[in-house]
Amino acid sequence: HGRGGGEVITCHSNGHRQEYCDARIRRGVRLVRQDSRSACIEGQTWGWDRRGIWVSDGCRAQFQVN
């Protein structure tokens, strides 16, 4: 891992359900790559808290956790 790099987690939602991906987040989360046709919009179809990352409405993406 480089200086700026945390682990990268793939998190995806099937359909309209909200899915939760466990992660230990210290400073924040950055969307690295969107893999879904559905848009991944922070605060709408994805977000995070101290326990992990959530996605919904078909968002599938890779997130870097810092």
C-alpha atoms as a PDB file:
ATOM      1  CA  HIS A   1       0.000   0.000   0.000  1.00  0.00           C
ATOM      2  CA  GLY A   2       1.234   3.470  -0.834  1.00  0.00           C
ATOM      3  CA  ARG A   3       1.180   6.378   1.559  1.00  0.00           C
ATOM      4  CA  GLY A   4      -2.284   7.552   0.540  1.00  0.00           C
ATOM      5  CA  GLY A   5      -3.812   4.137   0.037  1.00  0.00           C
ATOM      6  CA  GLY A   6      -6.201   2.312   2.277  1.00  0.00           C
ATOM      7  CA  GLU A   7      -7.877  -0.951   1.401  1.00  0.00           C
ATOM      8  CA  VAL A   8     -10.238  -1.149  -1.561  1.00  0.00           C
ATOM      9  CA  ILE A   9     -13.646  -2.734  -0.993  1.00  0.00           C
ATOM     10  CA  THR A  10     -16.200  -3.713  -3.621  1.00  0.00           C
ATOM     11  CA  CYS A  11     -19.749  -3.112  -2.445  1.00  0.00           C
ATOM     12  CA  HIS A  12     -22.887  -3.688  -4.498  1.00  0.00           C
ATOM     13  CA  SER A  13     -26.634  -3.481  -4.209  1.00  0.00           C
ATOM     14  CA  ASN A  14     -29.032  -5.848  -5.950  1.00  0.00           C
ATOM     15  CA  GLY A  15     -32.154  -4.062  -7.078  1.00  0.00           C
ATOM     16  CA  HIS A  16     -33.494  -1.444  -4.707  1.00  0.00           C
ATOM     17  CA  ARG A  17     -32.311  -3.027  -1.456  1.00  0.00           C
ATOM     18  CA  GLN A  18     -29.757  -1.233   0.629  1.00  0.00           C
ATOM     19  CA  GLU A  19     -26.668  -3.344   1.255  1.00  0.00           C
ATOM     20  CA  TYR A  20     -24.059  -2.774   3.939  1.00  0.00           C
ATOM     21  CA  CYS A  21     -20.369  -3.601   3.599  1.00  0.00           C
ATOM     22  CA  ASP A  22     -18.368  -3.758   6.809  1.00  0.00           C
ATOM     23  CA  ALA A  23     -15.220  -1.651   6.823  1.00  0.00           C
ATOM     24  CA  ARG A  24     -13.064   0.005   9.451  1.00  0.00           C
ATOM     25  CA  ILE A  25     -13.069   3.635   8.382  1.00  0.00           C
ATOM     26  CA  ARG A  26     -10.809   6.141  10.083  1.00  0.00           C
ATOM     27  CA  ARG A  27     -10.798   9.222   7.850  1.00  0.00           C
ATOM     28  CA  GLY A  28     -13.151   8.630   4.970  1.00  0.00           C
ATOM     29  CA  VAL A  29     -14.162   6.760   1.852  1.00  0.00           C
ATOM     30  CA  ARG A  30     -13.496   7.565  -1.791  1.00  0.00           C
ATOM     31  CA  LEU A  31     -15.293   6.030  -4.765  1.00  0.00           C
ATOM     32  CA  VAL A  32     -12.521   4.607  -6.948  1.00  0.00           C
ATOM     33  CA  ARG A  33     -14.464   2.928  -9.753  1.00  0.00           C
ATOM     34  CA  GLN A  34     -18.151   2.561 -10.528  1.00  0.00           C
ATOM     35  CA  ASP A  35     -18.932  -0.866 -11.984  1.00  0.00           C
ATOM     36  CA  SER A  36     -22.705  -0.525 -12.364  1.00  0.00           C
ATOM     37  CA  ARG A  37     -24.892   1.068 -15.011  1.00  0.00           C
ATOM     38  CA  SER A  38     -26.877   2.576 -12.148  1.00  0.00           C
ATOM     39  CA  ALA A  39     -25.368   5.814 -10.895  1.00  0.00           C
ATOM     40  CA  CYS A  40     -23.462   5.815  -7.616  1.00  0.00           C
ATOM     41  CA  ILE A  41     -24.161   9.212  -6.057  1.00  0.00           C
ATOM     42  CA  GLU A  42     -22.791   9.956  -2.598  1.00  0.00           C
ATOM     43  CA  GLY A  43     -25.567  10.667  -0.131  1.00  0.00           C
ATOM     44  CA  GLN A  44     -28.196   9.170  -2.449  1.00  0.00           C
ATOM     45  CA  THR A  45     -27.119   5.700  -3.576  1.00  0.00           C
ATOM     46  CA  TRP A  46     -24.033   5.287  -1.425  1.00  0.00           C
ATOM     47  CA  GLY A  47     -22.543   6.595   1.775  1.00  0.00           C
ATOM     48  CA  TRP A  48     -20.590   5.565   4.837  1.00  0.00           C
ATOM     49  CA  ASP A  49     -20.358   5.764   8.582  1.00  0.00           C
ATOM     50  CA  ARG A  50     -17.787   4.503  11.080  1.00  0.00           C
ATOM     51  CA  ARG A  51     -18.888   0.891  10.638  1.00  0.00           C
ATOM     52  CA  GLY A  52     -18.832   0.623   6.886  1.00  0.00           C
ATOM     53  CA  ILE A  53     -20.212   1.551   3.496  1.00  0.00           C
ATOM     54  CA  TRP A  54     -23.809   1.327   2.291  1.00  0.00           C
ATOM     55  CA  VAL A  55     -25.054   1.167  -1.292  1.00  0.00           C
ATOM     56  CA  SER A  56     -28.564   1.066  -2.755  1.00  0.00           C
ATOM     57  CA  ASP A  57     -30.573   1.164  -6.004  1.00  0.00           C
ATOM     58  CA  GLY A  58     -28.181  -1.018  -7.988  1.00  0.00           C
ATOM     59  CA  CYS A  59     -24.999   0.919  -7.257  1.00  0.00           C
ATOM     60  CA  ARG A  60     -21.918  -1.298  -7.555  1.00  0.00           C
ATOM     61  CA  ALA A  61     -18.510   0.229  -7.061  1.00  0.00           C
ATOM     62  CA  GLN A  62     -15.045  -0.076  -5.610  1.00  0.00           C
ATOM     63  CA  PHE A  63     -14.352   2.173  -2.650  1.00  0.00           C
ATOM     64  CA  GLN A  64     -11.024   3.082  -1.106  1.00  0.00           C
ATOM     65  CA  VAL A  65     -11.216   3.192   2.677  1.00  0.00           C
ATOM     66  CA  ASN A  66      -8.881   5.523   4.546  1.00  0.00           C
END
